[in-house]
Amino acid sequence: MTQKIDWFELSDSYARETPQIIGEVIRPTHPITVGDLDDIFAGRPLSDAPRAKASVMRKTYLTPEMADKADKQAKEEHLSGAALIRKALAAYLADPSGQSARIPQSA
């Protein structure tokens, strides 16, 4: 027994249920490079200036609790774990006195 599917009706029903995506349209001010495409496909926003590529590796050990929290936060922000750690370190280095109250001393 085959069921006939009205593809137009199915498409219209999906369109009705899909939320509107509200946001700013970014128009690049420079020609898009391969590096920009890498960033876009990795889920990073397109920036006005090329971002510095991370090329120095630092190894650190985390407690299992820290690793779990970092993984959860990275997933919420759609980042890799390394990108989340770079973001946190950049924020701390930009304002170490303001961050020290929020970062536990045992970290």
PDB file of N, CA and C in Angstrom:
ATOM      1  N   MET A   1       0.844  -1.161   0.000  1.00  0.00           N
ATOM      2  CA  MET A   1       0.000   0.000   0.000  1.00  0.00           C
ATOM      3  C   MET A   1       0.896   1.233   0.000  1.00  0.00           C
ATOM      4  N   THR A   2       0.761   2.021  -1.022  1.00  0.00           N
ATOM      5  CA  THR A   2       1.578   3.235  -1.118  1.00  0.00           C
ATOM      6  C   THR A   2       0.728   4.440  -0.781  1.00  0.00           C
ATOM      7  N   GLN A   3       1.379   5.396  -0.197  1.00  0.00           N
ATOM      8  CA  GLN A   3       0.684   6.613   0.196  1.00  0.00           C
ATOM      9  C   GLN A   3       1.203   7.752  -0.669  1.00  0.00           C
ATOM     10  N   LYS A   4       0.270   8.492  -1.274  1.00  0.00           N
ATOM     11  CA  LYS A   4       0.683   9.630  -2.091  1.00  0.00           C
ATOM     12  C   LYS A   4       1.014  10.801  -1.167  1.00  0.00           C
ATOM     13  N   ILE A   5       2.158  11.397  -1.400  1.00  0.00           N
ATOM     14  CA  ILE A   5       2.599  12.525  -0.583  1.00  0.00           C
ATOM     15  C   ILE A   5       2.508  13.793  -1.415  1.00  0.00           C
ATOM     16  N   ASP A   6       1.850  14.776  -0.852  1.00  0.00           N
ATOM     17  CA  ASP A   6       1.795  16.086  -1.497  1.00  0.00           C
ATOM     18  C   ASP A   6       3.009  16.877  -1.031  1.00  0.00           C
ATOM     19  N   TRP A   7       4.059  16.882  -1.834  1.00  0.00           N
ATOM     20  CA  TRP A   7       5.314  17.499  -1.437  1.00  0.00           C
ATOM     21  C   TRP A   7       5.171  19.006  -1.234  1.00  0.00           C
ATOM     22  N   PHE A   8       4.316  19.646  -2.000  1.00  0.00           N
ATOM     23  CA  PHE A   8       4.105  21.087  -1.837  1.00  0.00           C
ATOM     24  C   PHE A   8       3.476  21.383  -0.472  1.00  0.00           C
ATOM     25  N   GLU A   9       2.498  20.594  -0.088  1.00  0.00           N
ATOM     26  CA  GLU A   9       1.856  20.776   1.218  1.00  0.00           C
ATOM     27  C   GLU A   9       2.844  20.491   2.350  1.00  0.00           C
ATOM     28  N   LEU A  10       3.648  19.450   2.187  1.00  0.00           N
ATOM     29  CA  LEU A  10       4.651  19.124   3.191  1.00  0.00           C
ATOM     30  C   LEU A  10       5.659  20.263   3.335  1.00  0.00           C
ATOM     31  N   SER A  11       6.094  20.815   2.223  1.00  0.00           N
ATOM     32  CA  SER A  11       7.033  21.940   2.249  1.00  0.00           C
ATOM     33  C   SER A  11       6.410  23.148   2.930  1.00  0.00           C
ATOM     34  N   ASP A  12       5.139  23.438   2.614  1.00  0.00           N
ATOM     35  CA  ASP A  12       4.451  24.574   3.233  1.00  0.00           C
ATOM     36  C   ASP A  12       4.293  24.368   4.734  1.00  0.00           C
ATOM     37  N   SER A  13       4.022  23.137   5.160  1.00  0.00           N
ATOM     38  CA  SER A  13       3.865  22.887   6.600  1.00  0.00           C
ATOM     39  C   SER A  13       5.196  23.078   7.321  1.00  0.00           C
ATOM     40  N   TYR A  14       6.293  22.633   6.711  1.00  0.00           N
ATOM     41  CA  TYR A  14       7.600  22.861   7.315  1.00  0.00           C
ATOM     42  C   TYR A  14       7.902  24.354   7.384  1.00  0.00           C
ATOM     43  N   ALA A  15       7.550  25.092   6.338  1.00  0.00           N
ATOM     44  CA  ALA A  15       7.810  26.535   6.317  1.00  0.00           C
ATOM     45  C   ALA A  15       7.012  27.237   7.413  1.00  0.00           C
ATOM     46  N   ARG A  16       5.782  26.784   7.674  1.00  0.00           N
ATOM     47  CA  ARG A  16       4.973  27.397   8.732  1.00  0.00           C
ATOM     48  C   ARG A  16       5.550  27.126  10.112  1.00  0.00           C
ATOM     49  N   GLU A  17       6.159  25.957  10.311  1.00  0.00           N
ATOM     50  CA  GLU A  17       6.670  25.571  11.622  1.00  0.00           C
ATOM     51  C   GLU A  17       8.100  26.026  11.874  1.00  0.00           C
ATOM     52  N   THR A  18       8.798  26.440  10.840  1.00  0.00           N
ATOM     53  CA  THR A  18      10.186  26.865  10.997  1.00  0.00           C
ATOM     54  C   THR A  18      10.233  28.289  11.530  1.00  0.00           C
ATOM     55  N   PRO A  19      10.965  28.516  12.624  1.00  0.00           N
ATOM     56  CA  PRO A  19      11.027  29.878  13.166  1.00  0.00           C
ATOM     57  C   PRO A  19      11.797  30.814  12.248  1.00  0.00           C
ATOM     58  N   GLN A  20      11.440  32.082  12.321  1.00  0.00           N
ATOM     59  CA  GLN A  20      12.161  33.100  11.563  1.00  0.00           C
ATOM     60  C   GLN A  20      13.544  33.277  12.182  1.00  0.00           C
ATOM     61  N   ILE A  21      14.538  33.393  11.362  1.00  0.00           N
ATOM     62  CA  ILE A  21      15.884  33.648  11.858  1.00  0.00           C
ATOM     63  C   ILE A  21      16.096  35.154  11.788  1.00  0.00           C
ATOM     64  N   ILE A  22      16.230  35.745  12.962  1.00  0.00           N
ATOM     65  CA  ILE A  22      16.381  37.182  13.033  1.00  0.00           C
ATOM     66  C   ILE A  22      17.827  37.486  13.360  1.00  0.00           C
ATOM     67  N   GLY A  23      18.431  38.325  12.584  1.00  0.00           N
ATOM     68  CA  GLY A  23      19.821  38.682  12.842  1.00  0.00           C
ATOM     69  C   GLY A  23      20.313  39.665  11.811  1.00  0.00           C
ATOM     70  N   GLU A  24      21.486  40.142  12.056  1.00  0.00           N
ATOM     71  CA  GLU A  24      22.094  41.122  11.177  1.00  0.00           C
ATOM     72  C   GLU A  24      22.758  40.411  10.002  1.00  0.00           C
ATOM     73  N   VAL A  25      22.581  40.955   8.830  1.00  0.00           N
ATOM     74  CA  VAL A  25      23.245  40.410   7.654  1.00  0.00           C
ATOM     75  C   VAL A  25      24.624  41.046   7.578  1.00  0.00           C
ATOM     76  N   ILE A  26      25.642  40.214   7.529  1.00  0.00           N
ATOM     77  CA  ILE A  26      27.010  40.716   7.476  1.00  0.00           C
ATOM     78  C   ILE A  26      27.461  40.736   6.032  1.00  0.00           C
ATOM     79  N   ARG A  27      27.885  41.901   5.610  1.00  0.00           N
ATOM     80  CA  ARG A  27      28.414  42.034   4.256  1.00  0.00           C
ATOM     81  C   ARG A  27      29.924  42.235   4.366  1.00  0.00           C
ATOM     82  N   PRO A  28      30.694  41.356   3.770  1.00  0.00           N
ATOM     83  CA  PRO A  28      32.149  41.462   3.917  1.00  0.00           C
ATOM     84  C   PRO A  28      32.685  42.746   3.290  1.00  0.00           C
ATOM     85  N   THR A  29      33.706  43.313   3.930  1.00  0.00           N
ATOM     86  CA  THR A  29      34.335  44.529   3.427  1.00  0.00           C
ATOM     87  C   THR A  29      35.592  44.211   2.637  1.00  0.00           C
ATOM     88  N   HIS A  30      35.938  42.947   2.556  1.00  0.00           N
ATOM     89  CA  HIS A  30      37.125  42.517   1.812  1.00  0.00           C
ATOM     90  C   HIS A  30      36.784  41.231   1.069  1.00  0.00           C
ATOM     91  N   PRO A  31      37.568  40.894   0.060  1.00  0.00           N
ATOM     92  CA  PRO A  31      37.305  39.624  -0.635  1.00  0.00           C
ATOM     93  C   PRO A  31      37.426  38.448   0.324  1.00  0.00           C
ATOM     94  N   ILE A  32      36.529  37.503   0.204  1.00  0.00           N
ATOM     95  CA  ILE A  32      36.524  36.336   1.085  1.00  0.00           C
ATOM     96  C   ILE A  32      37.681  35.414   0.707  1.00  0.00           C
ATOM     97  N   THR A  33      38.452  35.028   1.722  1.00  0.00           N
ATOM     98  CA  THR A  33      39.606  34.145   1.516  1.00  0.00           C
ATOM     99  C   THR A  33      39.258  32.722   1.937  1.00  0.00           C
ATOM    100  N   VAL A  34      40.174  31.815   1.680  1.00  0.00           N
ATOM    101  CA  VAL A  34      39.988  30.423   2.097  1.00  0.00           C
ATOM    102  C   VAL A  34      39.928  30.350   3.622  1.00  0.00           C
ATOM    103  N   GLY A  35      40.730  31.173   4.305  1.00  0.00           N
ATOM    104  CA  GLY A  35      40.692  31.212   5.766  1.00  0.00           C
ATOM    105  C   GLY A  35      39.327  31.652   6.277  1.00  0.00           C
ATOM    106  N   ASP A  36      38.718  32.642   5.580  1.00  0.00           N
ATOM    107  CA  ASP A  36      37.369  33.075   5.952  1.00  0.00           C
ATOM    108  C   ASP A  36      36.372  31.934   5.784  1.00  0.00           C
ATOM    109  N   LEU A  37      36.495  31.190   4.707  1.00  0.00           N
ATOM    110  CA  LEU A  37      35.587  30.059   4.489  1.00  0.00           C
ATOM    111  C   LEU A  37      35.767  28.998   5.571  1.00  0.00           C
ATOM    112  N   ASP A  38      37.025  28.757   5.971  1.00  0.00           N
ATOM    113  CA  ASP A  38      37.269  27.811   7.071  1.00  0.00           C
ATOM    114  C   ASP A  38      36.548  28.265   8.332  1.00  0.00           C
ATOM    115  N   ASP A  39      36.640  29.576   8.633  1.00  0.00           N
ATOM    116  CA  ASP A  39      35.965  30.112   9.813  1.00  0.00           C
ATOM    117  C   ASP A  39      34.453  29.970   9.699  1.00  0.00           C
ATOM    118  N   ILE A  40      33.909  30.290   8.543  1.00  0.00           N
ATOM    119  CA  ILE A  40      32.460  30.216   8.334  1.00  0.00           C
ATOM    120  C   ILE A  40      31.976  28.779   8.513  1.00  0.00           C
ATOM    121  N   PHE A  41      32.673  27.825   7.891  1.00  0.00           N
ATOM    122  CA  PHE A  41      32.253  26.426   7.994  1.00  0.00           C
ATOM    123  C   PHE A  41      32.463  25.865   9.392  1.00  0.00           C
ATOM    124  N   ALA A  42      33.359  26.487  10.172  1.00  0.00           N
ATOM    125  CA  ALA A  42      33.556  26.066  11.563  1.00  0.00           C
ATOM    126  C   ALA A  42      32.543  26.731  12.477  1.00  0.00           C
ATOM    127  N   GLY A  43      31.676  27.595  11.912  1.00  0.00           N
ATOM    128  CA  GLY A  43      30.633  28.234  12.706  1.00  0.00           C
ATOM    129  C   GLY A  43      31.044  29.550  13.324  1.00  0.00           C
ATOM    130  N   ARG A  44      32.179  30.090  12.885  1.00  0.00           N
ATOM    131  CA  ARG A  44      32.619  31.374  13.423  1.00  0.00           C
ATOM    132  C   ARG A  44      32.073  32.499  12.558  1.00  0.00           C
ATOM    133  N   PRO A  45      31.752  33.649  13.160  1.00  0.00           N
ATOM    134  CA  PRO A  45      31.262  34.753  12.343  1.00  0.00           C
ATOM    135  C   PRO A  45      32.380  35.341  11.492  1.00  0.00           C
ATOM    136  N   LEU A  46      32.008  35.915  10.370  1.00  0.00           N
ATOM    137  CA  LEU A  46      32.973  36.563   9.488  1.00  0.00           C
ATOM    138  C   LEU A  46      33.371  37.891  10.108  1.00  0.00           C
ATOM    139  N   SER A  47      34.654  38.125  10.262  1.00  0.00           N
ATOM    140  CA  SER A  47      35.110  39.367  10.894  1.00  0.00           C
ATOM    141  C   SER A  47      35.614  40.340   9.841  1.00  0.00           C
ATOM    142  N   ASP A  48      35.740  41.608  10.246  1.00  0.00           N
ATOM    143  CA  ASP A  48      36.243  42.636   9.330  1.00  0.00           C
ATOM    144  C   ASP A  48      37.723  42.439   9.036  1.00  0.00           C
ATOM    145  N   ALA A  49      38.458  41.991  10.026  1.00  0.00           N
ATOM    146  CA  ALA A  49      39.893  41.772   9.849  1.00  0.00           C
ATOM    147  C   ALA A  49      40.183  40.285  10.011  1.00  0.00           C
ATOM    148  N   PRO A  50      41.150  39.783   9.288  1.00  0.00           N
ATOM    149  CA  PRO A  50      41.486  38.370   9.453  1.00  0.00           C
ATOM    150  C   PRO A  50      41.929  38.099  10.882  1.00  0.00           C
ATOM    151  N   ARG A  51      41.489  36.980  11.439  1.00  0.00           N
ATOM    152  CA  ARG A  51      41.843  36.688  12.815  1.00  0.00           C
ATOM    153  C   ARG A  51      43.191  35.986  12.827  1.00  0.00           C
ATOM    154  N   ALA A  52      43.929  36.253  13.883  1.00  0.00           N
ATOM    155  CA  ALA A  52      45.244  35.628  14.029  1.00  0.00           C
ATOM    156  C   ALA A  52      45.075  34.131  14.216  1.00  0.00           C
ATOM    157  N   LYS A  53      45.836  33.368  13.493  1.00  0.00           N
ATOM    158  CA  LYS A  53      45.759  31.918  13.604  1.00  0.00           C
ATOM    159  C   LYS A  53      46.543  31.453  14.826  1.00  0.00           C
ATOM    160  N   ALA A  54      45.968  30.541  15.567  1.00  0.00           N
ATOM    161  CA  ALA A  54      46.636  29.979  16.740  1.00  0.00           C
ATOM    162  C   ALA A  54      47.678  28.986  16.255  1.00  0.00           C
ATOM    163  N   SER A  55      48.930  29.202  16.660  1.00  0.00           N
ATOM    164  CA  SER A  55      49.979  28.297  16.204  1.00  0.00           C
ATOM    165  C   SER A  55      50.897  27.815  17.336  1.00  0.00           C
ATOM    166  N   VAL A  56      50.700  28.332  18.549  1.00  0.00           N
ATOM    167  CA  VAL A  56      51.521  27.908  19.687  1.00  0.00           C
ATOM    168  C   VAL A  56      50.671  27.010  20.565  1.00  0.00           C
ATOM    169  N   MET A  57      51.187  25.827  20.867  1.00  0.00           N
ATOM    170  CA  MET A  57      50.414  24.883  21.660  1.00  0.00           C
ATOM    171  C   MET A  57      50.876  24.932  23.112  1.00  0.00           C
ATOM    172  N   ARG A  58      49.912  24.972  24.017  1.00  0.00           N
ATOM    173  CA  ARG A  58      50.171  24.879  25.453  1.00  0.00           C
ATOM    174  C   ARG A  58      49.368  23.689  25.963  1.00  0.00           C
ATOM    175  N   LYS A  59      50.014  22.847  26.735  1.00  0.00           N
ATOM    176  CA  LYS A  59      49.338  21.664  27.253  1.00  0.00           C
ATOM    177  C   LYS A  59      48.958  21.912  28.701  1.00  0.00           C
ATOM    178  N   THR A  60      47.743  21.574  29.072  1.00  0.00           N
ATOM    179  CA  THR A  60      47.291  21.744  30.448  1.00  0.00           C
ATOM    180  C   THR A  60      46.419  20.560  30.840  1.00  0.00           C
ATOM    181  N   TYR A  61      46.391  20.283  32.122  1.00  0.00           N
ATOM    182  CA  TYR A  61      45.547  19.218  32.639  1.00  0.00           C
ATOM    183  C   TYR A  61      44.361  19.843  33.357  1.00  0.00           C
ATOM    184  N   LEU A  62      43.188  19.270  33.165  1.00  0.00           N
ATOM    185  CA  LEU A  62      41.960  19.734  33.813  1.00  0.00           C
ATOM    186  C   LEU A  62      41.442  18.640  34.728  1.00  0.00           C
ATOM    187  N   THR A  63      40.706  19.051  35.752  1.00  0.00           N
ATOM    188  CA  THR A  63      40.010  18.062  36.565  1.00  0.00           C
ATOM    189  C   THR A  63      38.849  17.520  35.739  1.00  0.00           C
ATOM    190  N   PRO A  64      38.346  16.349  36.052  1.00  0.00           N
ATOM    191  CA  PRO A  64      37.199  15.826  35.302  1.00  0.00           C
ATOM    192  C   PRO A  64      35.994  16.774  35.345  1.00  0.00           C
ATOM    193  N   GLU A  65      35.786  17.442  36.489  1.00  0.00           N
ATOM    194  CA  GLU A  65      34.659  18.373  36.611  1.00  0.00           C
ATOM    195  C   GLU A  65      34.848  19.570  35.681  1.00  0.00           C
ATOM    196  N   MET A  66      36.073  20.108  35.643  1.00  0.00           N
ATOM    197  CA  MET A  66      36.357  21.243  34.760  1.00  0.00           C
ATOM    198  C   MET A  66      36.175  20.843  33.299  1.00  0.00           C
ATOM    199  N   ALA A  67      36.650  19.660  32.956  1.00  0.00           N
ATOM    200  CA  ALA A  67      36.533  19.193  31.573  1.00  0.00           C
ATOM    201  C   ALA A  67      35.070  19.031  31.185  1.00  0.00           C
ATOM    202  N   ASP A  68      34.250  18.476  32.097  1.00  0.00           N
ATOM    203  CA  ASP A  68      32.819  18.313  31.812  1.00  0.00           C
ATOM    204  C   ASP A  68      32.141  19.665  31.620  1.00  0.00           C
ATOM    205  N   LYS A  69      32.438  20.619  32.520  1.00  0.00           N
ATOM    206  CA  LYS A  69      31.841  21.953  32.407  1.00  0.00           C
ATOM    207  C   LYS A  69      32.293  22.651  31.123  1.00  0.00           C
ATOM    208  N   ALA A  70      33.573  22.505  30.798  1.00  0.00           N
ATOM    209  CA  ALA A  70      34.090  23.128  29.577  1.00  0.00           C
ATOM    210  C   ALA A  70      33.440  22.518  28.343  1.00  0.00           C
ATOM    211  N   ASP A  71      33.285  21.206  28.334  1.00  0.00           N
ATOM    212  CA  ASP A  71      32.641  20.540  27.195  1.00  0.00           C
ATOM    213  C   ASP A  71      31.198  21.007  27.030  1.00  0.00           C
ATOM    214  N   LYS A  72      30.473  21.119  28.159  1.00  0.00           N
ATOM    215  CA  LYS A  72      29.075  21.585  28.106  1.00  0.00           C
ATOM    216  C   LYS A  72      28.986  23.007  27.579  1.00  0.00           C
ATOM    217  N   GLN A  73      29.863  23.873  28.113  1.00  0.00           N
ATOM    218  CA  GLN A  73      29.846  25.273  27.691  1.00  0.00           C
ATOM    219  C   GLN A  73      30.233  25.408  26.221  1.00  0.00           C
ATOM    220  N   ALA A  74      31.218  24.667  25.784  1.00  0.00           N
ATOM    221  CA  ALA A  74      31.642  24.711  24.385  1.00  0.00           C
ATOM    222  C   ALA A  74      30.503  24.267  23.471  1.00  0.00           C
ATOM    223  N   LYS A  75      29.778  23.235  23.896  1.00  0.00           N
ATOM    224  CA  LYS A  75      28.651  22.748  23.092  1.00  0.00           C
ATOM    225  C   LYS A  75      27.554  23.805  23.017  1.00  0.00           C
ATOM    226  N   GLU A  76      27.270  24.486  24.159  1.00  0.00           N
ATOM    227  CA  GLU A  76      26.246  25.539  24.169  1.00  0.00           C
ATOM    228  C   GLU A  76      26.624  26.697  23.250  1.00  0.00           C
ATOM    229  N   GLU A  77      27.910  27.013  23.197  1.00  0.00           N
ATOM    230  CA  GLU A  77      28.372  28.134  22.388  1.00  0.00           C
ATOM    231  C   GLU A  77      28.771  27.713  20.982  1.00  0.00           C
ATOM    232  N   HIS A  78      28.611  26.442  20.650  1.00  0.00           N
ATOM    233  CA  HIS A  78      28.973  25.910  19.337  1.00  0.00           C
ATOM    234  C   HIS A  78      30.442  26.185  19.024  1.00  0.00           C
ATOM    235  N   LEU A  79      31.296  25.918  20.001  1.00  0.00           N
ATOM    236  CA  LEU A  79      32.737  26.097  19.861  1.00  0.00           C
ATOM    237  C   LEU A  79      33.433  24.772  20.124  1.00  0.00           C
ATOM    238  N   SER A  80      34.680  24.698  19.702  1.00  0.00           N
ATOM    239  CA  SER A  80      35.488  23.553  20.110  1.00  0.00           C
ATOM    240  C   SER A  80      35.985  23.821  21.523  1.00  0.00           C
ATOM    241  N   GLY A  81      36.443  22.793  22.183  1.00  0.00           N
ATOM    242  CA  GLY A  81      36.990  22.972  23.522  1.00  0.00           C
ATOM    243  C   GLY A  81      38.193  23.914  23.512  1.00  0.00           C
ATOM    244  N   ALA A  82      39.049  23.773  22.501  1.00  0.00           N
ATOM    245  CA  ALA A  82      40.223  24.642  22.396  1.00  0.00           C
ATOM    246  C   ALA A  82      39.806  26.097  22.187  1.00  0.00           C
ATOM    247  N   ALA A  83      38.788  26.324  21.366  1.00  0.00           N
ATOM    248  CA  ALA A  83      38.322  27.696  21.126  1.00  0.00           C
ATOM    249  C   ALA A  83      37.746  28.302  22.400  1.00  0.00           C
ATOM    250  N   LEU A  84      37.037  27.496  23.189  1.00  0.00           N
ATOM    251  CA  LEU A  84      36.492  27.995  24.452  1.00  0.00           C
ATOM    252  C   LEU A  84      37.613  28.385  25.416  1.00  0.00           C
ATOM    253  N   ILE A  85      38.643  27.554  25.500  1.00  0.00           N
ATOM    254  CA  ILE A  85      39.765  27.862  26.386  1.00  0.00           C
ATOM    255  C   ILE A  85      40.491  29.114  25.904  1.00  0.00           C
ATOM    256  N   ARG A  86      40.684  29.261  24.585  1.00  0.00           N
ATOM    257  CA  ARG A  86      41.309  30.490  24.060  1.00  0.00           C
ATOM    258  C   ARG A  86      40.466  31.706  24.394  1.00  0.00           C
ATOM    259  N   LYS A  87      39.136  31.573  24.264  1.00  0.00           N
ATOM    260  CA  LYS A  87      38.233  32.688  24.563  1.00  0.00           C
ATOM    261  C   LYS A  87      38.319  33.077  26.035  1.00  0.00           C
ATOM    262  N   ALA A  88      38.313  32.085  26.925  1.00  0.00           N
ATOM    263  CA  ALA A  88      38.391  32.356  28.359  1.00  0.00           C
ATOM    264  C   ALA A  88      39.732  32.986  28.720  1.00  0.00           C
ATOM    265  N   LEU A  89      40.815  32.485  28.142  1.00  0.00           N
ATOM    266  CA  LEU A  89      42.134  33.037  28.429  1.00  0.00           C
ATOM    267  C   LEU A  89      42.255  34.464  27.905  1.00  0.00           C
ATOM    268  N   ALA A  90      41.733  34.718  26.706  1.00  0.00           N
ATOM    269  CA  ALA A  90      41.774  36.078  26.152  1.00  0.00           C
ATOM    270  C   ALA A  90      41.000  37.048  27.036  1.00  0.00           C
ATOM    271  N   ALA A  91      39.835  36.630  27.537  1.00  0.00           N
ATOM    272  CA  ALA A  91      39.041  37.495  28.418  1.00  0.00           C
ATOM    273  C   ALA A  91      39.787  37.760  29.724  1.00  0.00           C
ATOM    274  N   TYR A  92      40.429  36.738  30.262  1.00  0.00           N
ATOM    275  CA  TYR A  92      41.183  36.907  31.505  1.00  0.00           C
ATOM    276  C   TYR A  92      42.383  37.833  31.294  1.00  0.00           C
ATOM    277  N   LEU A  93      43.119  37.626  30.214  1.00  0.00           N
ATOM    278  CA  LEU A  93      44.300  38.448  29.963  1.00  0.00           C
ATOM    279  C   LEU A  93      43.937  39.902  29.662  1.00  0.00           C
ATOM    280  N   ALA A  94      42.754  40.129  29.100  1.00  0.00           N
ATOM    281  CA  ALA A  94      42.306  41.497  28.818  1.00  0.00           C
ATOM    282  C   ALA A  94      41.990  42.247  30.102  1.00  0.00           C
ATOM    283  N   ASP A  95      41.535  41.544  31.138  1.00  0.00           N
ATOM    284  CA  ASP A  95      41.170  42.196  32.398  1.00  0.00           C
ATOM    285  C   ASP A  95      41.390  41.239  33.565  1.00  0.00           C
ATOM    286  N   PRO A  96      42.651  40.986  33.921  1.00  0.00           N
ATOM    287  CA  PRO A  96      42.899  40.005  34.983  1.00  0.00           C
ATOM    288  C   PRO A  96      42.335  40.402  36.340  1.00  0.00           C
ATOM    289  N   SER A  97      42.287  41.679  36.653  1.00  0.00           N
ATOM    290  CA  SER A  97      41.777  42.077  37.966  1.00  0.00           C
ATOM    291  C   SER A  97      40.276  41.861  38.067  1.00  0.00           C
ATOM    292  N   GLY A  98      39.554  42.070  37.006  1.00  0.00           N
ATOM    293  CA  GLY A  98      38.107  41.857  37.023  1.00  0.00           C
ATOM    294  C   GLY A  98      37.740  40.391  36.986  1.00  0.00           C
ATOM    295  N   GLN A  99      38.567  39.580  36.387  1.00  0.00           N
ATOM    296  CA  GLN A  99      38.268  38.157  36.257  1.00  0.00           C
ATOM    297  C   GLN A  99      38.635  37.373  37.503  1.00  0.00           C
ATOM    298  N   SER A 100      39.579  37.874  38.304  1.00  0.00           N
ATOM    299  CA  SER A 100      40.063  37.079  39.427  1.00  0.00           C
ATOM    300  C   SER A 100      38.964  36.775  40.440  1.00  0.00           C
ATOM    301  N   ALA A 101      37.954  37.652  40.527  1.00  0.00           N
ATOM    302  CA  ALA A 101      36.869  37.403  41.459  1.00  0.00           C
ATOM    303  C   ALA A 101      35.989  36.249  40.983  1.00  0.00           C
ATOM    304  N   ARG A 102      35.960  35.996  39.673  1.00  0.00           N
ATOM    305  CA  ARG A 102      35.092  34.956  39.144  1.00  0.00           C
ATOM    306  C   ARG A 102      35.817  33.639  38.917  1.00  0.00           C
ATOM    307  N   ILE A 103      37.129  33.645  38.875  1.00  0.00           N
ATOM    308  CA  ILE A 103      37.868  32.425  38.632  1.00  0.00           C
ATOM    309  C   ILE A 103      38.337  31.870  39.973  1.00  0.00           C
ATOM    310  N   PRO A 104      37.952  30.648  40.327  1.00  0.00           N
ATOM    311  CA  PRO A 104      38.376  30.086  41.609  1.00  0.00           C
ATOM    312  C   PRO A 104      39.898  29.952  41.665  1.00  0.00           C
ATOM    313  N   GLN A 105      40.461  30.131  42.837  1.00  0.00           N
ATOM    314  CA  GLN A 105      41.904  30.076  43.009  1.00  0.00           C
ATOM    315  C   GLN A 105      42.444  28.672  42.762  1.00  0.00           C
ATOM    316  N   SER A 106      41.592  27.632  42.914  1.00  0.00           N
ATOM    317  CA  SER A 106      42.048  26.265  42.713  1.00  0.00           C
ATOM    318  C   SER A 106      42.187  25.918  41.241  1.00  0.00           C
ATOM    319  N   ALA A 107      41.666  26.777  40.361  1.00  0.00           N
ATOM    320  CA  ALA A 107      41.755  26.498  38.930  1.00  0.00           C
ATOM    321  C   ALA A 107      43.192  26.635  38.517  1.00  0.00           C
TER     322      ALA A 107
END
